[in-house]
Amino acid sequence: MAHDAGSHSADRRPTGLGQPRTPDGRYFVVRGRLWRLSNPALDPAERERLVQQLMTARRAVRMAKGDPDALRAARSSVDAAKRALGERGLPWWTDGAPDYNRRLVGNTPYADWYETVSAKDAG
């Protein structure tokens, strides 16, 4: 669905299923970090095509270990699919709100919301 330390493993994370989602539908949270969700305005058929493209690219990353050129190309394909899905690059929303993708939720305006969500999960 991005490079910060550890982001390659983040590419294998689920796309937010079962994870808390921000009330505005822009992010899901994994281990206290915000990850941008796909653009909900994408046509379902186009979204499915892009998800399949992303899965193919992720498989290519796994297969390319030990081949720097193939690995670079595969990672570029992952990035292209994630950008097309709206998970990377310019935000898909148009209200001018800043992008907090990959930020710790506690350092964003979502901190109070996340505390209430975390408290419900703990209780």
N, C-alpha and C. Protein backbone atom coordinates (compact mmCIF):
# COMPACT_ATOMS: atom_id res chain seq x y z
N MET A 1 1.82 -0.75 0.00
CA MET A 1 0.00 0.00 0.00
C MET A 1 2.21 0.91 0.00
N ALA A 2 6.54 4.70 0.42
CA ALA A 2 6.56 4.47 1.64
C ALA A 2 7.36 4.25 2.72
N HIS A 3 12.34 6.02 1.78
CA HIS A 3 11.84 4.87 2.57
C HIS A 3 12.27 4.99 4.02
N ASP A 4 11.31 4.88 4.95
CA ASP A 4 11.65 4.90 6.36
C ASP A 4 12.28 3.56 6.73
N ALA A 5 13.01 3.58 7.83
CA ALA A 5 13.57 2.32 8.32
C ALA A 5 12.45 1.33 8.57
N GLY A 6 12.60 0.16 8.02
CA GLY A 6 11.60 -0.88 8.25
C GLY A 6 10.42 -0.83 7.33
N SER A 7 10.41 0.06 6.34
CA SER A 7 9.23 0.17 5.50
C SER A 7 9.06 -1.01 4.57
N HIS A 8 10.16 -1.73 4.26
CA HIS A 8 10.00 -2.88 3.39
C HIS A 8 9.11 -3.93 4.04
N SER A 9 9.25 -4.12 5.34
CA SER A 9 8.37 -5.07 6.01
C SER A 9 6.96 -4.50 6.08
N ALA A 10 6.83 -3.18 6.13
CA ALA A 10 5.51 -2.57 6.16
C ALA A 10 4.76 -2.84 4.85
N ASP A 11 5.49 -3.01 3.74
CA ASP A 11 4.84 -3.31 2.48
C ASP A 11 4.10 -4.64 2.51
N ARG A 12 4.41 -5.50 3.46
CA ARG A 12 3.75 -6.79 3.55
C ARG A 12 2.58 -6.77 4.55
N ARG A 13 2.29 -5.62 5.10
CA ARG A 13 1.23 -5.53 6.08
C ARG A 13 -0.13 -5.56 5.39
N PRO A 14 -1.17 -5.95 6.10
CA PRO A 14 -2.51 -5.91 5.50
C PRO A 14 -2.91 -4.46 5.24
N THR A 15 -3.85 -4.26 4.37
CA THR A 15 -4.26 -2.92 3.98
C THR A 15 -5.27 -2.32 4.94
N GLY A 16 -5.14 -2.62 6.19
CA GLY A 16 -5.99 -1.98 7.18
C GLY A 16 -7.14 -2.81 7.67
N LEU A 17 -7.31 -4.00 7.11
CA LEU A 17 -8.41 -4.85 7.57
C LEU A 17 -8.16 -5.25 9.01
N GLY A 18 -9.13 -5.00 9.86
CA GLY A 18 -9.00 -5.36 11.26
C GLY A 18 -8.19 -4.38 12.09
N GLN A 19 -7.67 -3.37 11.47
CA GLN A 19 -6.89 -2.35 12.18
C GLN A 19 -7.79 -1.13 12.40
N PRO A 20 -7.52 -0.37 13.47
CA PRO A 20 -8.33 0.84 13.67
C PRO A 20 -8.14 1.81 12.51
N ARG A 21 -9.24 2.38 12.07
CA ARG A 21 -9.23 3.38 10.99
C ARG A 21 -9.63 4.72 11.56
N THR A 22 -8.95 5.75 11.10
CA THR A 22 -9.30 7.09 11.58
C THR A 22 -10.73 7.44 11.17
N PRO A 23 -11.39 8.27 11.95
CA PRO A 23 -12.79 8.61 11.65
C PRO A 23 -12.99 9.21 10.26
N ASP A 24 -11.96 9.89 9.72
CA ASP A 24 -12.09 10.49 8.40
C ASP A 24 -11.80 9.51 7.27
N GLY A 25 -11.42 8.26 7.60
CA GLY A 25 -11.19 7.25 6.58
C GLY A 25 -9.90 7.41 5.80
N ARG A 26 -8.97 8.19 6.32
CA ARG A 26 -7.72 8.42 5.59
C ARG A 26 -6.61 7.46 5.96
N TYR A 27 -6.63 6.95 7.17
CA TYR A 27 -5.52 6.13 7.67
C TYR A 27 -6.03 4.93 8.46
N PHE A 28 -5.17 3.93 8.59
CA PHE A 28 -5.33 2.89 9.58
C PHE A 28 -4.07 2.90 10.42
N VAL A 29 -4.13 2.27 11.58
CA VAL A 29 -3.02 2.33 12.54
C VAL A 29 -2.48 0.92 12.79
N VAL A 30 -1.16 0.80 12.66
CA VAL A 30 -0.46 -0.44 12.99
C VAL A 30 0.70 -0.07 13.90
N ARG A 31 0.75 -0.71 15.08
CA ARG A 31 1.79 -0.46 16.05
C ARG A 31 2.04 1.03 16.28
N GLY A 32 0.94 1.77 16.41
CA GLY A 32 1.02 3.18 16.75
C GLY A 32 1.40 4.11 15.60
N ARG A 33 1.43 3.60 14.39
CA ARG A 33 1.82 4.41 13.23
C ARG A 33 0.67 4.49 12.23
N LEU A 34 0.47 5.67 11.67
CA LEU A 34 -0.56 5.88 10.66
C LEU A 34 -0.08 5.41 9.29
N TRP A 35 -0.95 4.71 8.58
CA TRP A 35 -0.68 4.29 7.21
C TRP A 35 -1.86 4.73 6.36
N ARG A 36 -1.58 5.39 5.26
CA ARG A 36 -2.65 5.92 4.41
C ARG A 36 -3.42 4.79 3.73
N LEU A 37 -4.72 4.91 3.77
CA LEU A 37 -5.60 3.98 3.07
C LEU A 37 -5.67 4.34 1.59
N SER A 38 -6.11 3.40 0.79
CA SER A 38 -6.32 3.65 -0.64
C SER A 38 -7.41 4.70 -0.84
N ASN A 39 -7.35 5.31 -1.98
CA ASN A 39 -8.34 6.32 -2.35
C ASN A 39 -9.71 5.66 -2.50
N PRO A 40 -10.69 6.04 -1.68
CA PRO A 40 -12.01 5.40 -1.76
C PRO A 40 -12.77 5.77 -3.03
N ALA A 41 -12.32 6.78 -3.76
CA ALA A 41 -13.01 7.19 -4.99
C ALA A 41 -12.59 6.35 -6.20
N LEU A 42 -11.62 5.46 -6.03
CA LEU A 42 -11.21 4.61 -7.15
C LEU A 42 -12.35 3.70 -7.57
N ASP A 43 -12.49 3.53 -8.87
CA ASP A 43 -13.45 2.58 -9.40
C ASP A 43 -13.08 1.18 -8.88
N PRO A 44 -14.05 0.40 -8.42
CA PRO A 44 -13.73 -0.91 -7.86
C PRO A 44 -12.92 -1.81 -8.79
N ALA A 45 -13.21 -1.80 -10.07
CA ALA A 45 -12.46 -2.63 -11.02
C ALA A 45 -11.01 -2.13 -11.13
N GLU A 46 -10.83 -0.82 -11.15
CA GLU A 46 -9.49 -0.25 -11.20
C GLU A 46 -8.73 -0.56 -9.92
N ARG A 47 -9.40 -0.45 -8.78
CA ARG A 47 -8.77 -0.79 -7.50
C ARG A 47 -8.30 -2.24 -7.52
N GLU A 48 -9.15 -3.15 -7.96
CA GLU A 48 -8.78 -4.57 -8.01
C GLU A 48 -7.58 -4.79 -8.93
N ARG A 49 -7.57 -4.12 -10.08
CA ARG A 49 -6.44 -4.24 -11.00
C ARG A 49 -5.16 -3.76 -10.34
N LEU A 50 -5.23 -2.63 -9.64
CA LEU A 50 -4.05 -2.08 -8.98
C LEU A 50 -3.59 -2.96 -7.82
N VAL A 51 -4.52 -3.54 -7.08
CA VAL A 51 -4.16 -4.44 -5.98
C VAL A 51 -3.45 -5.67 -6.55
N GLN A 52 -3.95 -6.20 -7.65
CA GLN A 52 -3.29 -7.35 -8.29
C GLN A 52 -1.89 -6.97 -8.76
N GLN A 53 -1.76 -5.76 -9.32
CA GLN A 53 -0.45 -5.26 -9.74
C GLN A 53 0.49 -5.16 -8.54
N LEU A 54 -0.03 -4.68 -7.42
CA LEU A 54 0.77 -4.56 -6.20
C LEU A 54 1.21 -5.94 -5.71
N MET A 55 0.31 -6.90 -5.68
CA MET A 55 0.65 -8.24 -5.22
C MET A 55 1.72 -8.87 -6.13
N THR A 56 1.59 -8.67 -7.43
CA THR A 56 2.60 -9.18 -8.36
C THR A 56 3.94 -8.54 -8.09
N ALA A 57 3.95 -7.24 -7.86
CA ALA A 57 5.19 -6.53 -7.58
C ALA A 57 5.81 -6.99 -6.27
N ARG A 58 5.00 -7.24 -5.26
CA ARG A 58 5.52 -7.74 -3.98
C ARG A 58 6.15 -9.12 -4.14
N ARG A 59 5.52 -9.97 -4.94
CA ARG A 59 6.11 -11.28 -5.21
C ARG A 59 7.44 -11.12 -5.92
N ALA A 60 7.52 -10.16 -6.84
CA ALA A 60 8.77 -9.91 -7.57
C ALA A 60 9.87 -9.46 -6.61
N VAL A 61 9.50 -8.67 -5.59
CA VAL A 61 10.49 -8.25 -4.59
C VAL A 61 11.05 -9.49 -3.88
N ARG A 62 10.19 -10.39 -3.49
CA ARG A 62 10.65 -11.61 -2.80
C ARG A 62 11.54 -12.45 -3.70
N MET A 63 11.20 -12.53 -4.97
CA MET A 63 11.95 -13.36 -5.91
C MET A 63 13.29 -12.72 -6.31
N ALA A 64 13.41 -11.41 -6.15
CA ALA A 64 14.59 -10.69 -6.64
C ALA A 64 15.73 -10.63 -5.64
N LYS A 65 15.59 -11.21 -4.50
CA LYS A 65 16.66 -11.17 -3.50
C LYS A 65 17.96 -11.67 -4.13
N GLY A 66 19.04 -10.90 -3.93
CA GLY A 66 20.33 -11.27 -4.50
C GLY A 66 20.58 -10.68 -5.88
N ASP A 67 19.57 -10.09 -6.50
CA ASP A 67 19.72 -9.46 -7.81
C ASP A 67 19.35 -7.98 -7.67
N PRO A 68 20.37 -7.11 -7.45
CA PRO A 68 20.08 -5.70 -7.17
C PRO A 68 19.24 -5.00 -8.23
N ASP A 69 19.48 -5.31 -9.51
CA ASP A 69 18.71 -4.66 -10.57
C ASP A 69 17.25 -5.09 -10.54
N ALA A 70 17.03 -6.40 -10.38
CA ALA A 70 15.65 -6.90 -10.32
C ALA A 70 14.95 -6.38 -9.07
N LEU A 71 15.69 -6.31 -7.96
CA LEU A 71 15.10 -5.81 -6.72
C LEU A 71 14.69 -4.35 -6.86
N ARG A 72 15.55 -3.55 -7.47
CA ARG A 72 15.25 -2.13 -7.68
C ARG A 72 14.00 -1.98 -8.56
N ALA A 73 13.93 -2.77 -9.64
CA ALA A 73 12.77 -2.71 -10.54
C ALA A 73 11.49 -3.15 -9.82
N ALA A 74 11.59 -4.21 -9.02
CA ALA A 74 10.41 -4.70 -8.31
C ALA A 74 9.93 -3.69 -7.28
N ARG A 75 10.86 -3.09 -6.55
CA ARG A 75 10.46 -2.07 -5.56
C ARG A 75 9.85 -0.86 -6.25
N SER A 76 10.36 -0.52 -7.41
CA SER A 76 9.78 0.58 -8.18
C SER A 76 8.34 0.25 -8.59
N SER A 77 8.09 -1.01 -8.94
CA SER A 77 6.73 -1.44 -9.30
C SER A 77 5.79 -1.38 -8.10
N VAL A 78 6.30 -1.77 -6.92
CA VAL A 78 5.50 -1.66 -5.69
C VAL A 78 5.13 -0.20 -5.46
N ASP A 79 6.11 0.67 -5.57
CA ASP A 79 5.88 2.10 -5.34
C ASP A 79 4.86 2.65 -6.34
N ALA A 80 4.98 2.27 -7.61
CA ALA A 80 4.04 2.76 -8.63
C ALA A 80 2.61 2.32 -8.32
N ALA A 81 2.44 1.07 -7.90
CA ALA A 81 1.09 0.58 -7.58
C ALA A 81 0.54 1.30 -6.36
N LYS A 82 1.37 1.49 -5.34
CA LYS A 82 0.91 2.19 -4.13
C LYS A 82 0.55 3.63 -4.44
N ARG A 83 1.30 4.28 -5.30
CA ARG A 83 0.97 5.66 -5.69
C ARG A 83 -0.36 5.70 -6.45
N ALA A 84 -0.55 4.74 -7.36
CA ALA A 84 -1.80 4.69 -8.12
C ALA A 84 -3.00 4.43 -7.21
N LEU A 85 -2.79 3.64 -6.16
CA LEU A 85 -3.86 3.37 -5.19
C LEU A 85 -4.11 4.57 -4.27
N GLY A 86 -3.16 5.50 -4.22
CA GLY A 86 -3.31 6.66 -3.35
C GLY A 86 -2.67 6.48 -1.99
N GLU A 87 -1.96 5.37 -1.78
CA GLU A 87 -1.34 5.09 -0.48
C GLU A 87 -0.02 5.83 -0.30
N ARG A 88 0.55 6.31 -1.38
CA ARG A 88 1.78 7.11 -1.37
C ARG A 88 1.60 8.29 -2.31
N GLY A 89 2.56 9.20 -2.25
CA GLY A 89 2.49 10.36 -3.13
C GLY A 89 1.59 11.43 -2.55
N LEU A 90 1.05 12.23 -3.43
CA LEU A 90 0.17 13.30 -3.00
C LEU A 90 -1.10 12.71 -2.38
N PRO A 91 -1.60 13.34 -1.32
CA PRO A 91 -2.85 12.83 -0.71
C PRO A 91 -4.00 12.84 -1.71
N TRP A 92 -4.90 11.88 -1.56
CA TRP A 92 -6.05 11.80 -2.45
C TRP A 92 -7.19 12.72 -2.03
N TRP A 93 -7.15 13.24 -0.81
CA TRP A 93 -8.21 14.14 -0.39
C TRP A 93 -7.90 15.54 -0.89
N THR A 94 -8.94 16.36 -0.97
CA THR A 94 -8.80 17.67 -1.61
C THR A 94 -9.11 18.84 -0.68
N ASP A 95 -9.24 18.58 0.63
CA ASP A 95 -9.60 19.66 1.55
C ASP A 95 -8.39 20.42 2.09
N GLY A 96 -7.20 20.09 1.62
CA GLY A 96 -6.00 20.79 2.06
C GLY A 96 -5.41 20.29 3.36
N ALA A 97 -6.01 19.28 3.98
CA ALA A 97 -5.48 18.74 5.24
C ALA A 97 -4.11 18.12 5.00
N PRO A 98 -3.20 18.29 5.95
CA PRO A 98 -1.86 17.71 5.77
C PRO A 98 -1.89 16.18 5.78
N ASP A 99 -0.83 15.62 5.25
CA ASP A 99 -0.68 14.17 5.20
C ASP A 99 0.18 13.72 6.37
N TYR A 100 -0.32 12.77 7.15
CA TYR A 100 0.41 12.23 8.30
C TYR A 100 0.83 10.79 8.06
N ASN A 101 0.90 10.37 6.79
CA ASN A 101 1.28 9.01 6.46
C ASN A 101 2.62 8.64 7.09
N ARG A 102 2.66 7.48 7.74
CA ARG A 102 3.85 6.91 8.37
C ARG A 102 4.28 7.61 9.66
N ARG A 103 3.49 8.54 10.11
CA ARG A 103 3.84 9.23 11.35
C ARG A 103 3.29 8.46 12.54
N LEU A 104 3.95 8.63 13.68
CA LEU A 104 3.42 8.07 14.92
C LEU A 104 2.12 8.78 15.25
N VAL A 105 1.08 8.04 15.48
CA VAL A 105 -0.24 8.63 15.70
C VAL A 105 -0.23 9.60 16.88
N GLY A 106 0.58 9.33 17.88
CA GLY A 106 0.65 10.21 19.05
C GLY A 106 1.21 11.58 18.76
N ASN A 107 1.85 11.74 17.61
CA ASN A 107 2.42 13.03 17.21
C ASN A 107 1.56 13.74 16.17
N THR A 108 0.30 13.36 16.07
CA THR A 108 -0.60 13.93 15.07
C THR A 108 -1.91 14.37 15.74
N PRO A 109 -2.75 15.06 15.00
CA PRO A 109 -4.06 15.43 15.55
C PRO A 109 -4.97 14.23 15.86
N TYR A 110 -4.57 13.04 15.46
CA TYR A 110 -5.36 11.83 15.74
C TYR A 110 -5.04 11.23 17.10
N ALA A 111 -4.13 11.82 17.85
CA ALA A 111 -3.65 11.24 19.12
C ALA A 111 -4.80 11.00 20.10
N ASP A 112 -5.65 11.98 20.32
CA ASP A 112 -6.75 11.81 21.28
C ASP A 112 -7.71 10.71 20.83
N TRP A 113 -8.04 10.70 19.55
CA TRP A 113 -8.91 9.64 19.02
C TRP A 113 -8.28 8.27 19.28
N TYR A 114 -7.00 8.14 18.99
CA TYR A 114 -6.33 6.83 19.14
C TYR A 114 -6.29 6.38 20.60
N GLU A 115 -6.13 7.32 21.51
CA GLU A 115 -6.15 6.94 22.93
C GLU A 115 -7.48 6.29 23.30
N THR A 116 -8.58 6.81 22.78
CA THR A 116 -9.89 6.23 23.11
C THR A 116 -10.03 4.86 22.45
N VAL A 117 -9.53 4.71 21.22
CA VAL A 117 -9.59 3.42 20.53
C VAL A 117 -8.73 2.40 21.26
N SER A 118 -7.51 2.80 21.64
CA SER A 118 -6.60 1.89 22.36
C SER A 118 -7.17 1.48 23.70
N ALA A 119 -7.84 2.40 24.39
CA ALA A 119 -8.44 2.11 25.70
C ALA A 119 -9.55 1.07 25.54
N LYS A 120 -10.33 1.16 24.46
CA LYS A 120 -11.40 0.18 24.22
C LYS A 120 -10.81 -1.20 23.98
N ASP A 121 -9.71 -1.25 23.19
CA ASP A 121 -9.07 -2.54 22.89
C ASP A 121 -8.47 -3.18 24.13
N ALA A 122 -7.95 -2.34 25.04
CA ALA A 122 -7.30 -2.85 26.25
C ALA A 122 -8.33 -3.33 27.28
N GLY A 123 -9.53 -2.79 27.20
CA GLY A 123 -10.53 -3.10 28.22
C GLY A 123 -11.37 -4.21 27.84
